[in-house]
Amino acid sequence: MVSATRKMIDCRWFPSETQCSLTIAGTEEEVLTVARQHAVASHGHKDDQALVEALRGAMRDEG
């Protein structure tokens, strides 16, 4: 079994008018994919390289 470090990102780390409390965890690529979709669909962010870089920078190891 391959043991990869799980990553996570939490909307509570970012100021939001909606006070979103979504937490996403999984592999780095899984978290990036879902967080990117969520940021665009739920928070109105532009889907560009700046968003990808911000999300990657915000990810933390789970646990």
Protein backbone atom coordinates (compact mmCIF):
# COMPACT_ATOMS: atom_id res chain seq x y z
CA MET A 1 0.00 0.00 0.00
CA VAL A 2 1.33 3.42 -0.98
CA SER A 3 1.22 5.95 1.83
CA ALA A 4 0.97 9.47 0.43
CA THR A 5 0.56 12.49 2.65
CA ARG A 6 -3.03 13.64 2.47
CA LYS A 7 -3.57 17.33 1.87
CA MET A 8 -6.42 19.56 2.95
CA ILE A 9 -7.82 23.01 2.41
CA ASP A 10 -10.54 24.69 4.46
CA CYS A 11 -12.73 27.61 3.39
CA ARG A 12 -12.73 28.85 6.99
CA TRP A 13 -9.10 29.90 6.46
CA PHE A 14 -10.31 32.61 4.05
CA PRO A 15 -12.66 35.53 4.70
CA SER A 16 -16.02 34.96 3.00
CA GLU A 17 -19.36 36.73 2.99
CA THR A 18 -21.05 33.33 3.04
CA GLN A 19 -18.93 32.08 5.95
CA CYS A 20 -18.34 28.86 4.01
CA SER A 21 -17.10 26.01 6.19
CA LEU A 22 -16.23 23.43 3.52
CA THR A 23 -13.13 21.32 4.14
CA ILE A 24 -11.62 19.25 1.32
CA ALA A 25 -9.07 16.49 1.91
CA GLY A 26 -7.33 13.90 -0.28
CA THR A 27 -4.33 13.74 -2.55
CA GLU A 28 -2.87 17.06 -3.64
CA GLU A 29 -4.40 16.71 -7.12
CA GLU A 30 -7.82 15.69 -5.75
CA VAL A 31 -7.89 18.65 -3.39
CA LEU A 32 -6.75 21.03 -6.11
CA THR A 33 -9.40 19.82 -8.56
CA VAL A 34 -12.31 20.03 -6.12
CA ALA A 35 -11.15 23.25 -4.44
CA ARG A 36 -10.73 24.91 -7.83
CA GLN A 37 -14.25 23.92 -8.90
CA HIS A 38 -15.66 25.07 -5.57
CA ALA A 39 -13.82 28.41 -5.62
CA VAL A 40 -15.23 29.21 -9.05
CA ALA A 41 -18.78 27.87 -8.60
CA SER A 42 -19.41 28.95 -5.01
CA HIS A 43 -17.18 31.96 -4.50
CA GLY A 44 -17.01 33.50 -7.98
CA HIS A 45 -13.24 33.28 -8.38
CA LYS A 46 -11.74 33.44 -11.85
CA ASP A 47 -10.38 30.05 -12.96
CA ASP A 48 -6.83 30.99 -13.82
CA GLN A 49 -3.24 30.19 -12.91
CA ALA A 50 -3.31 32.67 -10.02
CA LEU A 51 -6.16 30.70 -8.42
CA VAL A 52 -4.29 27.41 -8.87
CA GLU A 53 -1.16 28.88 -7.27
CA ALA A 54 -3.15 30.35 -4.37
CA LEU A 55 -4.87 27.02 -3.72
CA ARG A 56 -1.61 25.06 -3.86
CA GLY A 57 -0.05 27.55 -1.45
CA ALA A 58 -2.96 27.27 0.96
CA MET A 59 -2.95 23.45 1.16
CA ARG A 60 -1.69 21.89 4.36
CA ASP A 61 -0.87 18.35 5.35
CA GLU A 62 -3.90 16.72 6.92
CA GLY A 63 -3.74 15.93 10.59
